[in-house]
Amino acid sequence: MDPRAQRTIEALLDAAEKLFTTRAVADVTVEEIAETAGVAIGSVYNHFGSKAGLHAALMEKALVTDRRFMDLAYVEGRSPVEQLYAAADEYLAFYLANPEYFRMLAFPAEPGSYAAGQDLADRLADSVDEQNKRMVEALRRGMKAGTIRKVNAQELATVLWSSWNGIISLAWRQDRLRRNPRQLKRLLRAATDAFAHGLLKD
């Protein structure tokens, strides 16, 4: 790809990230995006087709980044419970390196009434399900091996993932309940400890 075109694309993605993570997508105009990126309005349409296309591209970038972190957790050679601990660590690492991506994926904005927005929301939900499926599979392997008691793996994976989201969101608080990265790591470990010990057989 032409280096100038690549720079324009990156500038538009950066601008979209700044704007879409602070305001509803429907409230952000193409003109604002182009002005923030320092490019012509036509560049949005030339490279992404529409504002919805740009939003979709940004979400896809966030999903790919998240997947890259989580791939580091679910590696062969680790027991199912070890994979759960690693997933908590990598999820926090993803947040610390990409806080706005985390916010977009964990707490997505209202998709709006346009079809492309709903399609994007569905794709995001599918991606979350895909990541949770890896946790479900780890739990089922543990049950099959006899190290984890019989549970509803799908429900338990949702409980653990949603608790991680809640813990990490403490970093956004503006009061004394705010937690720093070191404290978040300890809380995630405590949550995963409680989860893991409740799963293990005697």
C-alpha atoms as a PDB file:
ATOM      1  CA  MET A   1       0.000   0.000   0.000  1.00  0.00           C
ATOM      2  CA  ASP A   2       1.122   3.521  -0.754  1.00  0.00           C
ATOM      3  CA  PRO A   3       2.753   4.960   2.423  1.00  0.00           C
ATOM      4  CA  ARG A   4       0.675   8.139   2.166  1.00  0.00           C
ATOM      5  CA  ALA A   5      -2.547   6.144   2.008  1.00  0.00           C
ATOM      6  CA  GLN A   6      -1.422   4.068   4.995  1.00  0.00           C
ATOM      7  CA  ARG A   7      -0.709   7.227   6.990  1.00  0.00           C
ATOM      8  CA  THR A   8      -4.165   8.563   6.112  1.00  0.00           C
ATOM      9  CA  ILE A   9      -5.826   5.325   7.202  1.00  0.00           C
ATOM     10  CA  GLU A  10      -3.941   5.309  10.507  1.00  0.00           C
ATOM     11  CA  ALA A  11      -4.785   8.972  11.089  1.00  0.00           C
ATOM     12  CA  LEU A  12      -8.475   8.263  10.518  1.00  0.00           C
ATOM     13  CA  LEU A  13      -8.422   5.237  12.825  1.00  0.00           C
ATOM     14  CA  ASP A  14      -6.685   7.279  15.533  1.00  0.00           C
ATOM     15  CA  ALA A  15      -9.223  10.081  15.147  1.00  0.00           C
ATOM     16  CA  ALA A  16     -12.116   7.629  15.248  1.00  0.00           C
ATOM     17  CA  GLU A  17     -10.715   6.064  18.405  1.00  0.00           C
ATOM     18  CA  LYS A  18     -10.555   9.448  20.135  1.00  0.00           C
ATOM     19  CA  LEU A  19     -14.070  10.414  19.105  1.00  0.00           C
ATOM     20  CA  PHE A  20     -15.953   7.111  19.267  1.00  0.00           C
ATOM     21  CA  THR A  21     -14.702   6.253  22.741  1.00  0.00           C
ATOM     22  CA  THR A  22     -15.979   9.480  24.257  1.00  0.00           C
ATOM     23  CA  ARG A  23     -19.254   9.984  22.360  1.00  0.00           C
ATOM     24  CA  ALA A  24     -21.946   7.926  20.702  1.00  0.00           C
ATOM     25  CA  VAL A  25     -21.096   7.005  17.134  1.00  0.00           C
ATOM     26  CA  ALA A  26     -24.316   8.614  15.896  1.00  0.00           C
ATOM     27  CA  ASP A  27     -23.248  11.956  17.427  1.00  0.00           C
ATOM     28  CA  VAL A  28     -19.888  12.063  15.649  1.00  0.00           C
ATOM     29  CA  THR A  29     -19.856  13.552  12.158  1.00  0.00           C
ATOM     30  CA  VAL A  30     -17.636  12.626   9.234  1.00  0.00           C
ATOM     31  CA  GLU A  31     -16.484  16.246   9.191  1.00  0.00           C
ATOM     32  CA  GLU A  32     -15.259  15.992  12.796  1.00  0.00           C
ATOM     33  CA  ILE A  33     -13.408  12.787  12.074  1.00  0.00           C
ATOM     34  CA  ALA A  34     -11.663  14.263   9.044  1.00  0.00           C
ATOM     35  CA  GLU A  35     -10.789  17.476  10.907  1.00  0.00           C
ATOM     36  CA  THR A  36      -9.381  15.538  13.885  1.00  0.00           C
ATOM     37  CA  ALA A  37      -7.343  13.357  11.526  1.00  0.00           C
ATOM     38  CA  GLY A  38      -6.147  16.361   9.554  1.00  0.00           C
ATOM     39  CA  VAL A  39      -7.309  14.928   6.223  1.00  0.00           C
ATOM     40  CA  ALA A  40      -9.939  15.679   3.604  1.00  0.00           C
ATOM     41  CA  ILE A  41     -13.515  14.542   4.232  1.00  0.00           C
ATOM     42  CA  GLY A  42     -13.377  12.453   1.076  1.00  0.00           C
ATOM     43  CA  SER A  43     -10.657  10.301   2.641  1.00  0.00           C
ATOM     44  CA  VAL A  44     -13.213   8.728   4.975  1.00  0.00           C
ATOM     45  CA  TYR A  45     -15.320   7.602   2.021  1.00  0.00           C
ATOM     46  CA  ASN A  46     -12.335   6.650  -0.137  1.00  0.00           C
ATOM     47  CA  HIS A  47     -10.800   4.327   2.455  1.00  0.00           C
ATOM     48  CA  PHE A  48     -13.780   3.121   4.515  1.00  0.00           C
ATOM     49  CA  GLY A  49     -16.870   3.806   2.439  1.00  0.00           C
ATOM     50  CA  SER A  50     -18.731   5.524   5.274  1.00  0.00           C
ATOM     51  CA  LYS A  51     -18.592   6.453   8.946  1.00  0.00           C
ATOM     52  CA  ALA A  52     -20.058   3.027   9.739  1.00  0.00           C
ATOM     53  CA  GLY A  53     -17.269   1.422   7.730  1.00  0.00           C
ATOM     54  CA  LEU A  54     -14.657   3.340   9.686  1.00  0.00           C
ATOM     55  CA  HIS A  55     -16.272   2.346  12.970  1.00  0.00           C
ATOM     56  CA  ALA A  56     -16.304  -1.296  11.865  1.00  0.00           C
ATOM     57  CA  ALA A  57     -12.627  -1.124  10.922  1.00  0.00           C
ATOM     58  CA  LEU A  58     -11.754   0.314  14.323  1.00  0.00           C
ATOM     59  CA  MET A  59     -13.717  -2.400  16.117  1.00  0.00           C
ATOM     60  CA  GLU A  60     -12.012  -5.065  14.028  1.00  0.00           C
ATOM     61  CA  LYS A  61      -8.619  -3.620  14.977  1.00  0.00           C
ATOM     62  CA  ALA A  62      -9.615  -3.792  18.640  1.00  0.00           C
ATOM     63  CA  LEU A  63     -10.810  -7.393  18.268  1.00  0.00           C
ATOM     64  CA  VAL A  64      -7.606  -8.481  16.550  1.00  0.00           C
ATOM     65  CA  THR A  65      -5.544  -6.850  19.295  1.00  0.00           C
ATOM     66  CA  ASP A  66      -7.581  -8.537  22.020  1.00  0.00           C
ATOM     67  CA  ARG A  67      -7.277 -11.914  20.279  1.00  0.00           C
ATOM     68  CA  ARG A  68      -3.501 -11.535  20.079  1.00  0.00           C
ATOM     69  CA  PHE A  69      -3.283 -11.089  23.856  1.00  0.00           C
ATOM     70  CA  MET A  70      -5.640 -13.968  24.621  1.00  0.00           C
ATOM     71  CA  ASP A  71      -3.721 -16.288  22.304  1.00  0.00           C
ATOM     72  CA  LEU A  72      -0.872 -16.006  24.803  1.00  0.00           C
ATOM     73  CA  ALA A  73      -3.077 -17.504  27.528  1.00  0.00           C
ATOM     74  CA  TYR A  74      -4.534 -20.529  25.802  1.00  0.00           C
ATOM     75  CA  VAL A  75      -1.356 -22.357  24.894  1.00  0.00           C
ATOM     76  CA  GLU A  76      -0.678 -26.083  24.926  1.00  0.00           C
ATOM     77  CA  GLY A  77       1.080 -27.488  27.946  1.00  0.00           C
ATOM     78  CA  ARG A  78      -0.926 -25.529  30.493  1.00  0.00           C
ATOM     79  CA  SER A  79      -3.602 -27.159  32.593  1.00  0.00           C
ATOM     80  CA  PRO A  80      -7.154 -25.785  32.229  1.00  0.00           C
ATOM     81  CA  VAL A  81      -6.890 -23.893  35.529  1.00  0.00           C
ATOM     82  CA  GLU A  82      -3.474 -22.491  34.568  1.00  0.00           C
ATOM     83  CA  GLN A  83      -5.047 -21.233  31.352  1.00  0.00           C
ATOM     84  CA  LEU A  84      -7.735 -19.423  33.352  1.00  0.00           C
ATOM     85  CA  TYR A  85      -5.101 -17.620  35.428  1.00  0.00           C
ATOM     86  CA  ALA A  86      -3.156 -16.772  32.276  1.00  0.00           C
ATOM     87  CA  ALA A  87      -6.329 -15.465  30.615  1.00  0.00           C
ATOM     88  CA  ALA A  88      -6.918 -13.093  33.543  1.00  0.00           C
ATOM     89  CA  ASP A  89      -3.334 -11.834  33.299  1.00  0.00           C
ATOM     90  CA  GLU A  90      -3.525 -11.323  29.535  1.00  0.00           C
ATOM     91  CA  TYR A  91      -6.906  -9.619  29.732  1.00  0.00           C
ATOM     92  CA  LEU A  92      -5.448  -7.104  32.163  1.00  0.00           C
ATOM     93  CA  ALA A  93      -2.387  -6.682  29.923  1.00  0.00           C
ATOM     94  CA  PHE A  94      -4.726  -5.985  26.997  1.00  0.00           C
ATOM     95  CA  TYR A  95      -6.518  -3.319  29.024  1.00  0.00           C
ATOM     96  CA  LEU A  96      -3.309  -1.644  30.219  1.00  0.00           C
ATOM     97  CA  ALA A  97      -1.862  -1.504  26.700  1.00  0.00           C
ATOM     98  CA  ASN A  98      -5.136  -0.538  24.994  1.00  0.00           C
ATOM     99  CA  PRO A  99      -7.595   0.981  27.495  1.00  0.00           C
ATOM    100  CA  GLU A 100      -9.858   2.455  24.835  1.00  0.00           C
ATOM    101  CA  TYR A 101     -10.046  -0.814  22.910  1.00  0.00           C
ATOM    102  CA  PHE A 102     -10.958  -2.579  26.139  1.00  0.00           C
ATOM    103  CA  ARG A 103     -13.736  -0.073  26.813  1.00  0.00           C
ATOM    104  CA  MET A 104     -15.100  -0.465  23.283  1.00  0.00           C
ATOM    105  CA  LEU A 105     -15.229  -4.258  23.553  1.00  0.00           C
ATOM    106  CA  ALA A 106     -16.246  -4.726  27.191  1.00  0.00           C
ATOM    107  CA  PHE A 107     -18.808  -1.911  27.301  1.00  0.00           C
ATOM    108  CA  PRO A 108     -19.882  -1.275  23.683  1.00  0.00           C
ATOM    109  CA  ALA A 109     -21.849   1.793  22.733  1.00  0.00           C
ATOM    110  CA  GLU A 110     -25.467   1.690  21.614  1.00  0.00           C
ATOM    111  CA  PRO A 111     -25.382   0.437  17.991  1.00  0.00           C
ATOM    112  CA  GLY A 112     -28.012   2.910  16.821  1.00  0.00           C
ATOM    113  CA  SER A 113     -30.856   2.280  14.441  1.00  0.00           C
ATOM    114  CA  TYR A 114     -28.849   1.840  11.231  1.00  0.00           C
ATOM    115  CA  ALA A 115     -28.367  -1.717   9.913  1.00  0.00           C
ATOM    116  CA  ALA A 116     -24.574  -1.494   9.784  1.00  0.00           C
ATOM    117  CA  GLY A 117     -24.465  -0.596  13.477  1.00  0.00           C
ATOM    118  CA  GLN A 118     -26.565  -3.599  14.450  1.00  0.00           C
ATOM    119  CA  ASP A 119     -24.461  -5.849  12.226  1.00  0.00           C
ATOM    120  CA  LEU A 120     -21.330  -4.603  13.956  1.00  0.00           C
ATOM    121  CA  ALA A 121     -22.887  -5.203  17.393  1.00  0.00           C
ATOM    122  CA  ASP A 122     -23.699  -8.761  16.344  1.00  0.00           C
ATOM    123  CA  ARG A 123     -20.126  -9.328  15.152  1.00  0.00           C
ATOM    124  CA  LEU A 124     -18.791  -8.018  18.443  1.00  0.00           C
ATOM    125  CA  ALA A 125     -21.055 -10.363  20.399  1.00  0.00           C
ATOM    126  CA  ASP A 126     -19.906 -13.245  18.192  1.00  0.00           C
ATOM    127  CA  SER A 127     -16.276 -12.394  18.941  1.00  0.00           C
ATOM    128  CA  VAL A 128     -16.923 -12.290  22.699  1.00  0.00           C
ATOM    129  CA  ASP A 129     -18.635 -15.661  22.407  1.00  0.00           C
ATOM    130  CA  GLU A 130     -15.603 -16.964  20.514  1.00  0.00           C
ATOM    131  CA  GLN A 131     -13.248 -15.873  23.297  1.00  0.00           C
ATOM    132  CA  ASN A 132     -15.536 -17.277  25.989  1.00  0.00           C
ATOM    133  CA  LYS A 133     -15.690 -20.545  24.070  1.00  0.00           C
ATOM    134  CA  ARG A 134     -11.980 -20.996  24.706  1.00  0.00           C
ATOM    135  CA  MET A 135     -12.627 -20.695  28.422  1.00  0.00           C
ATOM    136  CA  VAL A 136     -15.547 -23.095  28.134  1.00  0.00           C
ATOM    137  CA  GLU A 137     -13.337 -25.613  26.356  1.00  0.00           C
ATOM    138  CA  ALA A 138     -10.679 -25.298  29.073  1.00  0.00           C
ATOM    139  CA  LEU A 139     -13.297 -25.991  31.734  1.00  0.00           C
ATOM    140  CA  ARG A 140     -14.609 -28.996  29.838  1.00  0.00           C
ATOM    141  CA  ARG A 141     -11.106 -30.418  29.438  1.00  0.00           C
ATOM    142  CA  GLY A 142     -10.663 -30.138  33.195  1.00  0.00           C
ATOM    143  CA  MET A 143     -13.959 -31.920  33.792  1.00  0.00           C
ATOM    144  CA  LYS A 144     -13.004 -34.657  31.354  1.00  0.00           C
ATOM    145  CA  ALA A 145      -9.632 -35.084  33.071  1.00  0.00           C
ATOM    146  CA  GLY A 146     -11.389 -35.322  36.436  1.00  0.00           C
ATOM    147  CA  THR A 147      -9.639 -32.281  37.974  1.00  0.00           C
ATOM    148  CA  ILE A 148     -12.681 -30.002  37.769  1.00  0.00           C
ATOM    149  CA  ARG A 149     -16.094 -30.879  39.142  1.00  0.00           C
ATOM    150  CA  LYS A 150     -19.116 -31.003  36.864  1.00  0.00           C
ATOM    151  CA  VAL A 151     -20.401 -27.488  36.169  1.00  0.00           C
ATOM    152  CA  ASN A 152     -22.264 -25.546  33.493  1.00  0.00           C
ATOM    153  CA  ALA A 153     -19.118 -24.418  31.684  1.00  0.00           C
ATOM    154  CA  GLN A 154     -20.936 -21.842  29.536  1.00  0.00           C
ATOM    155  CA  GLU A 155     -22.481 -20.048  32.512  1.00  0.00           C
ATOM    156  CA  LEU A 156     -19.291 -20.193  34.581  1.00  0.00           C
ATOM    157  CA  ALA A 157     -17.209 -18.731  31.743  1.00  0.00           C
ATOM    158  CA  THR A 158     -19.655 -15.824  31.459  1.00  0.00           C
ATOM    159  CA  VAL A 159     -19.508 -15.244  35.221  1.00  0.00           C
ATOM    160  CA  LEU A 160     -15.707 -15.129  35.241  1.00  0.00           C
ATOM    161  CA  TRP A 161     -15.375 -12.942  32.141  1.00  0.00           C
ATOM    162  CA  SER A 162     -17.973 -10.436  33.374  1.00  0.00           C
ATOM    163  CA  SER A 163     -16.335 -10.269  36.808  1.00  0.00           C
ATOM    164  CA  TRP A 164     -13.005  -9.432  35.157  1.00  0.00           C
ATOM    165  CA  ASN A 165     -14.710  -6.610  33.247  1.00  0.00           C
ATOM    166  CA  GLY A 166     -16.136  -5.232  36.481  1.00  0.00           C
ATOM    167  CA  ILE A 167     -12.817  -5.403  38.294  1.00  0.00           C
ATOM    168  CA  ILE A 168     -10.902  -3.683  35.513  1.00  0.00           C
ATOM    169  CA  SER A 169     -13.519  -0.930  35.306  1.00  0.00           C
ATOM    170  CA  LEU A 170     -12.512   0.107  38.845  1.00  0.00           C
ATOM    171  CA  ALA A 171      -9.572   1.853  37.162  1.00  0.00           C
ATOM    172  CA  TRP A 172     -12.033   4.423  35.766  1.00  0.00           C
ATOM    173  CA  ARG A 173     -13.480   5.511  39.079  1.00  0.00           C
ATOM    174  CA  GLN A 174     -12.744   9.049  40.222  1.00  0.00           C
ATOM    175  CA  ASP A 175     -13.055   8.380  43.951  1.00  0.00           C
ATOM    176  CA  ARG A 176     -11.218   6.432  46.654  1.00  0.00           C
ATOM    177  CA  LEU A 177     -12.471   3.150  45.168  1.00  0.00           C
ATOM    178  CA  ARG A 178     -10.259   3.641  42.106  1.00  0.00           C
ATOM    179  CA  ARG A 179      -7.619   0.909  41.715  1.00  0.00           C
ATOM    180  CA  ASN A 180      -4.183   1.109  40.116  1.00  0.00           C
ATOM    181  CA  PRO A 181      -2.725  -1.610  37.834  1.00  0.00           C
ATOM    182  CA  ARG A 182      -0.963  -3.441  40.673  1.00  0.00           C
ATOM    183  CA  GLN A 183      -4.177  -3.523  42.706  1.00  0.00           C
ATOM    184  CA  LEU A 184      -6.181  -4.651  39.671  1.00  0.00           C
ATOM    185  CA  LYS A 185      -3.812  -7.577  39.187  1.00  0.00           C
ATOM    186  CA  ARG A 186      -4.296  -8.636  42.817  1.00  0.00           C
ATOM    187  CA  LEU A 187      -8.079  -8.370  42.540  1.00  0.00           C
ATOM    188  CA  LEU A 188      -8.160 -10.378  39.325  1.00  0.00           C
ATOM    189  CA  ARG A 189      -6.016 -13.030  40.980  1.00  0.00           C
ATOM    190  CA  ALA A 190      -8.356 -13.091  43.999  1.00  0.00           C
ATOM    191  CA  ALA A 191     -11.405 -13.487  41.752  1.00  0.00           C
ATOM    192  CA  THR A 192      -9.753 -16.242  39.741  1.00  0.00           C
ATOM    193  CA  ASP A 193      -8.557 -17.943  42.944  1.00  0.00           C
ATOM    194  CA  ALA A 194     -12.098 -18.036  44.299  1.00  0.00           C
ATOM    195  CA  PHE A 195     -13.383 -19.299  40.983  1.00  0.00           C
ATOM    196  CA  ALA A 196     -10.682 -21.953  40.541  1.00  0.00           C
ATOM    197  CA  HIS A 197     -10.872 -23.333  44.086  1.00  0.00           C
ATOM    198  CA  GLY A 198     -14.628 -23.601  43.767  1.00  0.00           C
ATOM    199  CA  LEU A 199     -14.160 -25.679  40.627  1.00  0.00           C
ATOM    200  CA  LEU A 200     -11.461 -28.049  41.808  1.00  0.00           C
ATOM    201  CA  LYS A 201     -12.364 -31.438  43.139  1.00  0.00           C
ATOM    202  CA  ASP A 202     -11.267 -32.365  46.651  1.00  0.00           C
END
